[in-house]
């Protein structure tokens, strides 16, 4: 017996009010799946890291060399002027 056949058999044995709840749940699941599928096709945007990689390729190498080597550690110093963190 398949799962569908077993489900149909179980539904045939329940009272009408419960069958209505089961139907509502099935319709809810179908709508949810349809919504997820439409969102996944709409979100065919490039992965965030791929997007960042594309942007960084546009910056010339000599501009990257101008960045301080301790930028990630001392970002607050370079943005707000607070004292640098020493190693």
Foldseek 3Di string as FASTA:
>chain_A
DDPVVVVVVVLVPDDPVVVVVVVVVVVVVVVVVVVVVVVVVVPPDDDPVVVVVVVVVVDDPVVVVPDDPCCVQAVCCVVPNDDGDDD
